[in-house]
């Protein structure tokens, strides 16, 4: 397990980095489960819309609700997040080579959101990569038992770790059919 740790206002950079890493790994033949986040800015509102892209199906799932221009309430559409979690768990069960998640946040710390997919991947010995806002490090450490590696938000470092984990996983599970040409 590894987390790409970023500072409070670096979430957009981390989202783009994880999307790029996932895209590169898929081109190399990795079967990925998980989601990456894309934000859509709206000049008439203070906040963006957040959409998750399911890495196994390509399905887009908007996880925010429009509560109005000046709303201060939680915009997360928890039902949409649970739908995304179901897709991710299905992909993990189908035999993913790696789980990539846009972030480990408040919902996961509460045992909701994508925590079930995380636990399933860990149980199946599937490498896990998540985005992690530094403000959630204590919750992540509690979830992982402080056994996860922290990676800087640097594409080369993250990609190298992913390739290393995929090679190790392929050696441990040769029957899974992992076909990483460039890894």
N, C-alpha and C. Protein backbone atom coordinates (compact mmCIF):
# COMPACT_ATOMS: atom_id res chain seq x y z
N UNK A 1 0.85 -1.18 0.00
CA UNK A 1 0.00 0.00 0.00
C UNK A 1 0.88 1.23 0.00
N UNK A 2 0.42 2.21 -0.75
CA UNK A 2 1.13 3.49 -0.74
C UNK A 2 0.12 4.61 -0.92
N UNK A 3 0.47 5.74 -0.34
CA UNK A 3 -0.36 6.93 -0.46
C UNK A 3 0.47 8.05 -1.05
N UNK A 4 -0.10 8.72 -2.05
CA UNK A 4 0.51 9.93 -2.59
C UNK A 4 0.03 11.05 -1.67
N UNK A 5 0.93 11.54 -0.84
CA UNK A 5 0.57 12.53 0.18
C UNK A 5 0.73 13.93 -0.40
N UNK A 6 -0.32 14.72 -0.24
CA UNK A 6 -0.29 16.09 -0.75
C UNK A 6 -0.83 17.05 0.32
N UNK A 7 -0.52 18.31 0.15
CA UNK A 7 -0.96 19.34 1.08
C UNK A 7 -2.40 19.76 0.76
N UNK A 8 -3.01 20.47 1.68
CA UNK A 8 -4.43 20.81 1.62
C UNK A 8 -4.91 21.34 0.27
N UNK A 9 -4.18 22.24 -0.34
CA UNK A 9 -4.67 22.85 -1.59
C UNK A 9 -4.01 22.28 -2.83
N UNK A 10 -3.47 21.06 -2.74
CA UNK A 10 -2.83 20.41 -3.88
C UNK A 10 -3.67 19.26 -4.44
N UNK A 11 -4.94 19.20 -4.06
CA UNK A 11 -5.79 18.09 -4.50
C UNK A 11 -5.92 17.98 -6.00
N UNK A 12 -6.03 19.10 -6.71
CA UNK A 12 -6.15 19.04 -8.17
C UNK A 12 -4.90 18.43 -8.80
N UNK A 13 -3.74 18.81 -8.29
CA UNK A 13 -2.49 18.24 -8.80
C UNK A 13 -2.46 16.73 -8.55
N UNK A 14 -2.83 16.31 -7.36
CA UNK A 14 -2.84 14.88 -7.03
C UNK A 14 -3.83 14.13 -7.91
N UNK A 15 -4.99 14.72 -8.17
CA UNK A 15 -5.99 14.07 -9.04
C UNK A 15 -5.43 13.86 -10.44
N UNK A 16 -4.80 14.89 -11.00
CA UNK A 16 -4.21 14.78 -12.35
C UNK A 16 -3.08 13.76 -12.36
N UNK A 17 -2.27 13.75 -11.32
CA UNK A 17 -1.17 12.80 -11.24
C UNK A 17 -1.69 11.36 -11.22
N UNK A 18 -2.68 11.09 -10.38
CA UNK A 18 -3.23 9.73 -10.31
C UNK A 18 -3.90 9.32 -11.61
N UNK A 19 -4.59 10.24 -12.27
CA UNK A 19 -5.22 9.94 -13.56
C UNK A 19 -4.16 9.61 -14.60
N UNK A 20 -3.06 10.36 -14.60
CA UNK A 20 -1.97 10.11 -15.55
C UNK A 20 -1.31 8.76 -15.27
N UNK A 21 -1.05 8.47 -14.00
CA UNK A 21 -0.44 7.18 -13.63
C UNK A 21 -1.34 6.03 -14.07
N UNK A 22 -2.64 6.15 -13.78
CA UNK A 22 -3.59 5.09 -14.17
C UNK A 22 -3.60 4.91 -15.68
N UNK A 23 -3.61 5.99 -16.41
CA UNK A 23 -3.62 5.91 -17.87
C UNK A 23 -2.37 5.21 -18.40
N UNK A 24 -1.24 5.55 -17.85
CA UNK A 24 0.01 4.93 -18.30
C UNK A 24 0.04 3.44 -17.96
N UNK A 25 -0.39 3.09 -16.75
CA UNK A 25 -0.40 1.67 -16.36
C UNK A 25 -1.36 0.86 -17.23
N UNK A 26 -2.50 1.43 -17.54
CA UNK A 26 -3.46 0.71 -18.40
C UNK A 26 -2.88 0.51 -19.79
N UNK A 27 -2.18 1.51 -20.33
CA UNK A 27 -1.55 1.35 -21.65
C UNK A 27 -0.49 0.24 -21.62
N UNK A 28 0.11 0.02 -20.45
CA UNK A 28 1.14 -1.02 -20.29
C UNK A 28 0.52 -2.40 -20.02
N UNK A 29 -0.79 -2.47 -19.92
CA UNK A 29 -1.46 -3.76 -19.78
C UNK A 29 -2.00 -4.08 -18.40
N UNK A 30 -1.87 -3.18 -17.44
CA UNK A 30 -2.37 -3.45 -16.09
C UNK A 30 -3.88 -3.38 -16.06
N UNK A 31 -4.47 -4.32 -15.35
CA UNK A 31 -5.92 -4.31 -15.11
C UNK A 31 -6.16 -3.57 -13.80
N UNK A 32 -6.69 -2.36 -13.91
CA UNK A 32 -6.87 -1.52 -12.74
C UNK A 32 -8.30 -1.51 -12.26
N UNK A 33 -8.44 -1.51 -10.96
CA UNK A 33 -9.71 -1.22 -10.30
C UNK A 33 -9.51 0.13 -9.64
N UNK A 34 -10.60 0.84 -9.44
CA UNK A 34 -10.50 2.10 -8.72
C UNK A 34 -11.15 3.25 -9.45
N UNK A 35 -10.91 4.42 -8.92
CA UNK A 35 -11.47 5.65 -9.50
C UNK A 35 -10.44 6.76 -9.42
N UNK A 36 -10.50 7.63 -10.42
CA UNK A 36 -9.74 8.88 -10.38
C UNK A 36 -10.75 10.01 -10.51
N UNK A 37 -10.39 11.16 -9.99
CA UNK A 37 -11.32 12.29 -9.92
C UNK A 37 -10.98 13.36 -10.94
N UNK A 38 -12.05 13.92 -11.52
CA UNK A 38 -11.94 15.06 -12.43
C UNK A 38 -12.86 16.15 -11.89
N UNK A 39 -12.37 17.36 -11.86
CA UNK A 39 -13.16 18.48 -11.37
C UNK A 39 -13.58 19.38 -12.53
N UNK A 40 -14.80 19.84 -12.46
CA UNK A 40 -15.33 20.73 -13.48
C UNK A 40 -15.66 22.07 -12.82
N UNK A 41 -14.95 23.10 -13.24
CA UNK A 41 -15.14 24.42 -12.67
C UNK A 41 -16.38 25.10 -13.25
N UNK A 42 -17.06 25.88 -12.43
CA UNK A 42 -18.23 26.65 -12.84
C UNK A 42 -18.04 28.08 -12.35
N UNK A 43 -17.91 29.04 -13.27
CA UNK A 43 -17.67 30.42 -12.84
C UNK A 43 -18.81 31.02 -12.01
N UNK A 44 -20.01 30.50 -12.16
CA UNK A 44 -21.15 31.05 -11.42
C UNK A 44 -21.25 30.50 -10.00
N UNK A 45 -20.39 29.51 -9.68
CA UNK A 45 -20.38 28.94 -8.34
C UNK A 45 -18.98 29.00 -7.75
N UNK A 46 -18.90 28.94 -6.44
CA UNK A 46 -17.61 28.98 -5.77
C UNK A 46 -16.89 27.63 -5.83
N UNK A 47 -17.62 26.58 -5.98
CA UNK A 47 -17.02 25.25 -5.94
C UNK A 47 -17.24 24.51 -7.25
N UNK A 48 -16.37 23.54 -7.49
CA UNK A 48 -16.44 22.75 -8.70
C UNK A 48 -17.37 21.54 -8.50
N UNK A 49 -17.68 20.87 -9.62
CA UNK A 49 -18.35 19.58 -9.57
C UNK A 49 -17.27 18.51 -9.61
N UNK A 50 -17.43 17.47 -8.83
CA UNK A 50 -16.46 16.38 -8.80
C UNK A 50 -17.07 15.15 -9.46
N UNK A 51 -16.31 14.58 -10.38
CA UNK A 51 -16.73 13.40 -11.10
C UNK A 51 -15.66 12.33 -10.95
N UNK A 52 -16.08 11.12 -10.66
CA UNK A 52 -15.15 9.99 -10.60
C UNK A 52 -15.23 9.22 -11.91
N UNK A 53 -14.08 8.78 -12.38
CA UNK A 53 -14.01 7.90 -13.54
C UNK A 53 -13.62 6.52 -13.03
N UNK A 54 -14.51 5.54 -13.25
CA UNK A 54 -14.23 4.17 -12.85
C UNK A 54 -13.18 3.60 -13.82
N UNK A 55 -12.06 3.14 -13.28
CA UNK A 55 -10.94 2.71 -14.11
C UNK A 55 -11.19 1.41 -14.85
N UNK A 56 -12.09 0.58 -14.39
CA UNK A 56 -12.33 -0.69 -15.08
C UNK A 56 -13.35 -0.55 -16.21
N UNK A 57 -14.31 0.33 -16.06
CA UNK A 57 -15.37 0.45 -17.07
C UNK A 57 -15.34 1.76 -17.85
N UNK A 58 -14.68 2.77 -17.31
CA UNK A 58 -14.70 4.10 -17.93
C UNK A 58 -15.93 4.91 -17.57
N UNK A 59 -16.81 4.33 -16.79
CA UNK A 59 -18.04 5.03 -16.41
C UNK A 59 -17.73 6.27 -15.56
N UNK A 60 -18.44 7.37 -15.84
CA UNK A 60 -18.28 8.62 -15.10
C UNK A 60 -19.42 8.74 -14.09
N UNK A 61 -19.07 9.09 -12.85
CA UNK A 61 -20.05 9.19 -11.78
C UNK A 61 -19.86 10.53 -11.08
N UNK A 62 -20.83 11.42 -11.23
CA UNK A 62 -20.75 12.71 -10.53
C UNK A 62 -21.08 12.47 -9.07
N UNK A 63 -20.18 12.92 -8.19
CA UNK A 63 -20.36 12.66 -6.76
C UNK A 63 -20.67 13.92 -5.96
N UNK A 64 -21.01 14.99 -6.64
CA UNK A 64 -21.39 16.22 -5.94
C UNK A 64 -22.79 16.63 -6.35
N UNK A 65 -23.43 17.31 -5.44
CA UNK A 65 -24.75 17.88 -5.68
C UNK A 65 -24.61 19.40 -5.77
N UNK A 66 -25.38 20.01 -6.63
CA UNK A 66 -25.38 21.47 -6.72
C UNK A 66 -26.35 22.00 -5.67
N UNK A 67 -25.81 22.55 -4.61
CA UNK A 67 -26.63 23.08 -3.52
C UNK A 67 -26.81 24.59 -3.59
N UNK A 68 -26.36 25.17 -4.69
CA UNK A 68 -26.49 26.62 -4.85
C UNK A 68 -25.16 27.33 -4.70
N UNK A 69 -25.11 28.52 -5.24
CA UNK A 69 -23.87 29.30 -5.33
C UNK A 69 -23.17 29.51 -3.99
N UNK A 70 -23.88 29.86 -2.97
CA UNK A 70 -23.26 30.23 -1.70
C UNK A 70 -23.42 29.18 -0.61
N UNK A 71 -23.81 27.97 -1.00
CA UNK A 71 -24.01 26.91 -0.02
C UNK A 71 -22.70 26.57 0.70
N UNK A 72 -22.79 26.33 1.98
CA UNK A 72 -21.64 25.92 2.78
C UNK A 72 -21.76 24.46 3.23
N UNK A 73 -22.89 23.82 2.90
CA UNK A 73 -23.13 22.44 3.33
C UNK A 73 -22.32 21.43 2.54
N UNK A 74 -22.33 20.22 3.00
CA UNK A 74 -21.62 19.13 2.33
C UNK A 74 -22.29 18.82 1.00
N UNK A 75 -21.54 18.88 -0.06
CA UNK A 75 -22.07 18.67 -1.41
C UNK A 75 -21.94 17.22 -1.86
N UNK A 76 -21.29 16.39 -1.08
CA UNK A 76 -21.05 15.01 -1.49
C UNK A 76 -22.37 14.27 -1.66
N UNK A 77 -22.53 13.62 -2.80
CA UNK A 77 -23.68 12.77 -3.06
C UNK A 77 -23.27 11.36 -2.62
N UNK A 78 -23.64 11.02 -1.39
CA UNK A 78 -23.19 9.75 -0.81
C UNK A 78 -23.71 8.53 -1.57
N UNK A 79 -24.91 8.64 -2.14
CA UNK A 79 -25.45 7.52 -2.93
C UNK A 79 -24.59 7.29 -4.17
N UNK A 80 -24.16 8.36 -4.82
CA UNK A 80 -23.31 8.23 -6.00
C UNK A 80 -21.95 7.64 -5.62
N UNK A 81 -21.42 8.06 -4.47
CA UNK A 81 -20.15 7.50 -4.00
C UNK A 81 -20.29 6.01 -3.71
N UNK A 82 -21.40 5.61 -3.13
CA UNK A 82 -21.62 4.18 -2.86
C UNK A 82 -21.77 3.40 -4.18
N UNK A 83 -22.38 4.00 -5.20
CA UNK A 83 -22.44 3.35 -6.52
C UNK A 83 -21.03 3.13 -7.06
N UNK A 84 -20.19 4.16 -6.96
CA UNK A 84 -18.81 4.04 -7.42
C UNK A 84 -18.08 2.94 -6.63
N UNK A 85 -18.31 2.90 -5.33
CA UNK A 85 -17.67 1.88 -4.50
C UNK A 85 -18.07 0.48 -4.95
N UNK A 86 -19.33 0.30 -5.31
CA UNK A 86 -19.79 -1.00 -5.81
C UNK A 86 -19.08 -1.41 -7.09
N UNK A 87 -18.89 -0.46 -8.00
CA UNK A 87 -18.16 -0.75 -9.24
C UNK A 87 -16.72 -1.15 -8.96
N UNK A 88 -16.10 -0.44 -8.04
CA UNK A 88 -14.70 -0.72 -7.70
C UNK A 88 -14.58 -2.10 -7.05
N UNK A 89 -15.47 -2.42 -6.13
CA UNK A 89 -15.42 -3.74 -5.48
C UNK A 89 -15.61 -4.86 -6.50
N UNK A 90 -16.51 -4.66 -7.45
CA UNK A 90 -16.73 -5.65 -8.51
C UNK A 90 -15.45 -5.86 -9.32
N UNK A 91 -14.75 -4.77 -9.65
CA UNK A 91 -13.51 -4.87 -10.42
C UNK A 91 -12.41 -5.57 -9.61
N UNK A 92 -12.36 -5.31 -8.32
CA UNK A 92 -11.37 -5.99 -7.47
C UNK A 92 -11.65 -7.49 -7.46
N UNK A 93 -12.91 -7.86 -7.30
CA UNK A 93 -13.28 -9.28 -7.28
C UNK A 93 -13.01 -9.96 -8.62
N UNK A 94 -13.09 -9.19 -9.71
CA UNK A 94 -12.89 -9.75 -11.05
C UNK A 94 -11.42 -10.02 -11.35
N UNK A 95 -10.53 -9.54 -10.48
CA UNK A 95 -9.12 -9.85 -10.67
C UNK A 95 -8.27 -8.69 -11.11
N UNK A 96 -8.38 -7.57 -10.47
CA UNK A 96 -7.55 -6.42 -10.79
C UNK A 96 -6.10 -6.66 -10.38
N UNK A 97 -5.19 -6.03 -11.11
CA UNK A 97 -3.77 -6.11 -10.77
C UNK A 97 -3.39 -5.07 -9.72
N UNK A 98 -4.13 -3.96 -9.68
CA UNK A 98 -3.84 -2.88 -8.73
C UNK A 98 -5.11 -2.09 -8.50
N UNK A 99 -5.22 -1.54 -7.29
CA UNK A 99 -6.31 -0.65 -6.93
C UNK A 99 -5.76 0.76 -6.84
N UNK A 100 -6.37 1.70 -7.58
CA UNK A 100 -5.98 3.11 -7.55
C UNK A 100 -7.20 3.91 -7.13
N UNK A 101 -7.07 4.66 -6.04
CA UNK A 101 -8.19 5.46 -5.55
C UNK A 101 -7.79 6.92 -5.45
N UNK A 102 -8.71 7.78 -5.87
CA UNK A 102 -8.43 9.22 -5.87
C UNK A 102 -8.07 9.74 -4.49
N UNK A 103 -8.70 9.19 -3.46
CA UNK A 103 -8.31 9.65 -2.12
C UNK A 103 -8.90 8.77 -1.03
N UNK A 104 -8.22 8.84 0.08
CA UNK A 104 -8.72 8.28 1.32
C UNK A 104 -9.13 9.49 2.14
N UNK A 105 -10.43 9.62 2.37
CA UNK A 105 -10.94 10.81 3.04
C UNK A 105 -11.82 10.48 4.23
N UNK A 106 -12.65 11.43 4.56
CA UNK A 106 -13.50 11.33 5.75
C UNK A 106 -14.42 10.11 5.69
N UNK A 107 -15.06 9.87 4.54
CA UNK A 107 -15.98 8.73 4.43
C UNK A 107 -15.24 7.41 4.66
N UNK A 108 -14.05 7.29 4.09
CA UNK A 108 -13.28 6.06 4.26
C UNK A 108 -12.82 5.90 5.72
N UNK A 109 -12.44 7.00 6.34
CA UNK A 109 -12.03 6.95 7.75
C UNK A 109 -13.19 6.48 8.63
N UNK A 110 -14.43 6.75 8.21
CA UNK A 110 -15.62 6.32 8.95
C UNK A 110 -16.03 4.88 8.59
N UNK A 111 -15.27 4.24 7.70
CA UNK A 111 -15.61 2.88 7.29
C UNK A 111 -16.62 2.84 6.16
N UNK A 112 -16.81 3.94 5.49
CA UNK A 112 -17.77 4.03 4.38
C UNK A 112 -17.03 4.35 3.10
N UNK A 113 -17.76 4.85 2.11
CA UNK A 113 -17.13 5.24 0.86
C UNK A 113 -16.42 4.06 0.21
N UNK A 114 -15.15 4.23 -0.05
CA UNK A 114 -14.36 3.22 -0.75
C UNK A 114 -13.57 2.32 0.20
N UNK A 115 -13.88 2.37 1.49
CA UNK A 115 -13.13 1.56 2.46
C UNK A 115 -13.33 0.06 2.24
N UNK A 116 -14.50 -0.34 1.80
CA UNK A 116 -14.75 -1.76 1.52
C UNK A 116 -13.87 -2.27 0.39
N UNK A 117 -13.72 -1.46 -0.66
CA UNK A 117 -12.86 -1.83 -1.78
C UNK A 117 -11.41 -1.90 -1.33
N UNK A 118 -11.01 -0.95 -0.49
CA UNK A 118 -9.65 -0.97 0.05
C UNK A 118 -9.39 -2.26 0.84
N UNK A 119 -10.30 -2.57 1.73
CA UNK A 119 -10.14 -3.77 2.56
C UNK A 119 -10.11 -5.04 1.70
N UNK A 120 -10.96 -5.08 0.69
CA UNK A 120 -11.01 -6.24 -0.21
C UNK A 120 -9.69 -6.40 -0.96
N UNK A 121 -9.15 -5.31 -1.48
CA UNK A 121 -7.88 -5.38 -2.19
C UNK A 121 -6.75 -5.82 -1.27
N UNK A 122 -6.73 -5.28 -0.07
CA UNK A 122 -5.70 -5.66 0.90
C UNK A 122 -5.82 -7.15 1.23
N UNK A 123 -7.05 -7.62 1.43
CA UNK A 123 -7.29 -9.03 1.73
C UNK A 123 -6.83 -9.94 0.59
N UNK A 124 -6.95 -9.46 -0.63
CA UNK A 124 -6.56 -10.25 -1.81
C UNK A 124 -5.12 -10.01 -2.23
N UNK A 125 -4.38 -9.27 -1.42
CA UNK A 125 -2.97 -9.01 -1.69
C UNK A 125 -2.76 -8.26 -3.01
N UNK A 126 -3.66 -7.33 -3.30
CA UNK A 126 -3.57 -6.50 -4.50
C UNK A 126 -2.93 -5.18 -4.09
N UNK A 127 -1.90 -4.74 -4.83
CA UNK A 127 -1.28 -3.45 -4.50
C UNK A 127 -2.30 -2.31 -4.53
N UNK A 128 -2.15 -1.38 -3.61
CA UNK A 128 -3.09 -0.27 -3.45
C UNK A 128 -2.33 1.05 -3.51
N UNK A 129 -2.85 1.98 -4.32
CA UNK A 129 -2.32 3.34 -4.39
C UNK A 129 -3.48 4.30 -4.16
N UNK A 130 -3.33 5.20 -3.20
CA UNK A 130 -4.37 6.19 -2.93
C UNK A 130 -3.78 7.59 -2.88
N UNK A 131 -4.64 8.57 -3.14
CA UNK A 131 -4.29 9.96 -2.88
C UNK A 131 -4.65 10.26 -1.44
N UNK A 132 -3.79 11.04 -0.76
CA UNK A 132 -4.02 11.30 0.65
C UNK A 132 -3.68 12.74 1.00
N UNK A 133 -4.71 13.49 1.34
CA UNK A 133 -4.51 14.84 1.86
C UNK A 133 -3.84 14.69 3.23
N UNK A 134 -2.79 15.46 3.43
CA UNK A 134 -2.03 15.36 4.69
C UNK A 134 -2.94 15.48 5.92
N UNK A 135 -4.06 16.19 5.80
CA UNK A 135 -4.97 16.34 6.95
C UNK A 135 -5.63 15.02 7.34
N UNK A 136 -5.58 14.01 6.46
CA UNK A 136 -6.18 12.70 6.75
C UNK A 136 -5.15 11.63 7.09
N UNK A 137 -3.90 12.02 7.30
CA UNK A 137 -2.85 11.03 7.56
C UNK A 137 -3.10 10.17 8.79
N UNK A 138 -3.58 10.77 9.86
CA UNK A 138 -3.83 9.99 11.08
C UNK A 138 -4.88 8.90 10.84
N UNK A 139 -5.94 9.25 10.12
CA UNK A 139 -6.99 8.27 9.81
C UNK A 139 -6.44 7.16 8.91
N UNK A 140 -5.62 7.54 7.94
CA UNK A 140 -5.01 6.56 7.03
C UNK A 140 -4.09 5.61 7.82
N UNK A 141 -3.28 6.18 8.70
CA UNK A 141 -2.39 5.35 9.51
C UNK A 141 -3.18 4.38 10.39
N UNK A 142 -4.30 4.85 10.94
CA UNK A 142 -5.14 3.97 11.76
C UNK A 142 -5.73 2.86 10.89
N UNK A 143 -6.16 3.19 9.67
CA UNK A 143 -6.76 2.21 8.76
C UNK A 143 -5.73 1.17 8.34
N UNK A 144 -4.51 1.61 8.04
CA UNK A 144 -3.48 0.72 7.50
C UNK A 144 -2.57 0.13 8.56
N UNK A 145 -2.75 0.55 9.81
CA UNK A 145 -1.83 0.11 10.85
C UNK A 145 -0.44 0.69 10.66
N UNK A 146 -0.38 1.85 10.03
CA UNK A 146 0.89 2.54 9.73
C UNK A 146 1.82 1.70 8.87
N UNK A 147 1.26 0.79 8.08
CA UNK A 147 2.08 -0.08 7.24
C UNK A 147 2.21 0.40 5.80
N UNK A 148 1.55 1.50 5.46
CA UNK A 148 1.60 2.00 4.09
C UNK A 148 2.78 2.93 3.90
N UNK A 149 3.29 2.92 2.69
CA UNK A 149 4.37 3.80 2.30
C UNK A 149 3.79 5.16 1.92
N UNK A 150 4.50 6.22 2.23
CA UNK A 150 4.10 7.57 1.79
C UNK A 150 4.97 7.96 0.61
N UNK A 151 4.33 8.38 -0.48
CA UNK A 151 5.04 8.80 -1.68
C UNK A 151 4.82 10.29 -1.91
N UNK A 152 5.83 10.98 -2.44
CA UNK A 152 5.63 12.39 -2.78
C UNK A 152 4.77 12.50 -4.04
N UNK A 153 4.10 13.62 -4.24
CA UNK A 153 3.27 13.79 -5.44
C UNK A 153 4.14 14.05 -6.68
N UNK A 154 4.97 13.06 -7.00
CA UNK A 154 5.90 13.13 -8.12
C UNK A 154 5.64 11.94 -9.04
N UNK A 155 5.29 12.22 -10.28
CA UNK A 155 4.90 11.16 -11.21
C UNK A 155 5.92 10.06 -11.39
N UNK A 156 7.19 10.40 -11.52
CA UNK A 156 8.22 9.38 -11.73
C UNK A 156 8.34 8.45 -10.53
N UNK A 157 8.30 9.01 -9.33
CA UNK A 157 8.40 8.19 -8.11
C UNK A 157 7.20 7.26 -7.97
N UNK A 158 6.02 7.81 -8.22
CA UNK A 158 4.80 7.02 -8.08
C UNK A 158 4.74 5.91 -9.13
N UNK A 159 5.06 6.25 -10.37
CA UNK A 159 5.04 5.26 -11.44
C UNK A 159 6.05 4.14 -11.17
N UNK A 160 7.24 4.50 -10.69
CA UNK A 160 8.25 3.48 -10.38
C UNK A 160 7.74 2.55 -9.29
N UNK A 161 7.10 3.10 -8.25
CA UNK A 161 6.57 2.25 -7.18
C UNK A 161 5.50 1.31 -7.74
N UNK A 162 4.59 1.85 -8.55
CA UNK A 162 3.52 1.02 -9.12
C UNK A 162 4.09 -0.13 -9.95
N UNK A 163 5.04 0.17 -10.80
CA UNK A 163 5.64 -0.87 -11.64
C UNK A 163 6.33 -1.93 -10.79
N UNK A 164 7.02 -1.51 -9.74
CA UNK A 164 7.68 -2.46 -8.84
C UNK A 164 6.64 -3.37 -8.17
N UNK A 165 5.55 -2.79 -7.70
CA UNK A 165 4.51 -3.58 -7.03
C UNK A 165 3.83 -4.54 -8.01
N UNK A 166 3.61 -4.09 -9.23
CA UNK A 166 2.99 -4.97 -10.22
C UNK A 166 3.91 -6.14 -10.58
N UNK A 167 5.21 -5.90 -10.69
CA UNK A 167 6.15 -7.00 -10.93
C UNK A 167 6.13 -8.00 -9.78
N UNK A 168 6.16 -7.48 -8.54
CA UNK A 168 6.13 -8.36 -7.36
C UNK A 168 4.83 -9.16 -7.32
N UNK A 169 3.73 -8.50 -7.59
CA UNK A 169 2.43 -9.16 -7.58
C UNK A 169 2.36 -10.24 -8.64
N UNK A 170 2.91 -9.98 -9.82
CA UNK A 170 2.90 -10.97 -10.90
C UNK A 170 3.71 -12.20 -10.50
N UNK A 171 4.80 -12.00 -9.77
CA UNK A 171 5.60 -13.16 -9.31
C UNK A 171 4.85 -13.96 -8.25
N UNK A 172 4.09 -13.26 -7.37
CA UNK A 172 3.35 -13.95 -6.31
C UNK A 172 2.11 -14.66 -6.85
N UNK A 173 1.53 -14.11 -7.92
CA UNK A 173 0.27 -14.63 -8.46
C UNK A 173 0.42 -14.87 -9.96
N UNK A 174 1.26 -15.81 -10.38
CA UNK A 174 1.52 -16.00 -11.82
C UNK A 174 0.28 -16.43 -12.61
N UNK A 175 -0.71 -17.02 -11.97
CA UNK A 175 -1.88 -17.50 -12.68
C UNK A 175 -2.89 -16.42 -13.00
N UNK A 176 -2.67 -15.20 -12.54
CA UNK A 176 -3.66 -14.15 -12.77
C UNK A 176 -3.65 -13.61 -14.17
N UNK A 177 -2.60 -13.91 -14.93
CA UNK A 177 -2.57 -13.45 -16.31
C UNK A 177 -2.09 -12.03 -16.46
N UNK A 178 -1.40 -11.50 -15.51
CA UNK A 178 -0.86 -10.16 -15.59
C UNK A 178 0.03 -10.07 -16.83
N UNK A 179 -0.26 -9.14 -17.69
CA UNK A 179 0.49 -9.03 -18.94
C UNK A 179 1.01 -7.61 -19.11
N UNK A 180 1.95 -7.25 -18.27
CA UNK A 180 2.50 -5.90 -18.35
C UNK A 180 3.71 -5.92 -19.27
N UNK A 181 3.50 -5.44 -20.47
CA UNK A 181 4.56 -5.47 -21.48
C UNK A 181 5.73 -4.58 -21.09
N UNK A 182 5.46 -3.33 -20.70
CA UNK A 182 6.54 -2.36 -20.47
C UNK A 182 6.99 -2.31 -19.02
N UNK A 183 6.33 -3.03 -18.15
CA UNK A 183 6.67 -2.95 -16.74
C UNK A 183 7.83 -3.84 -16.49
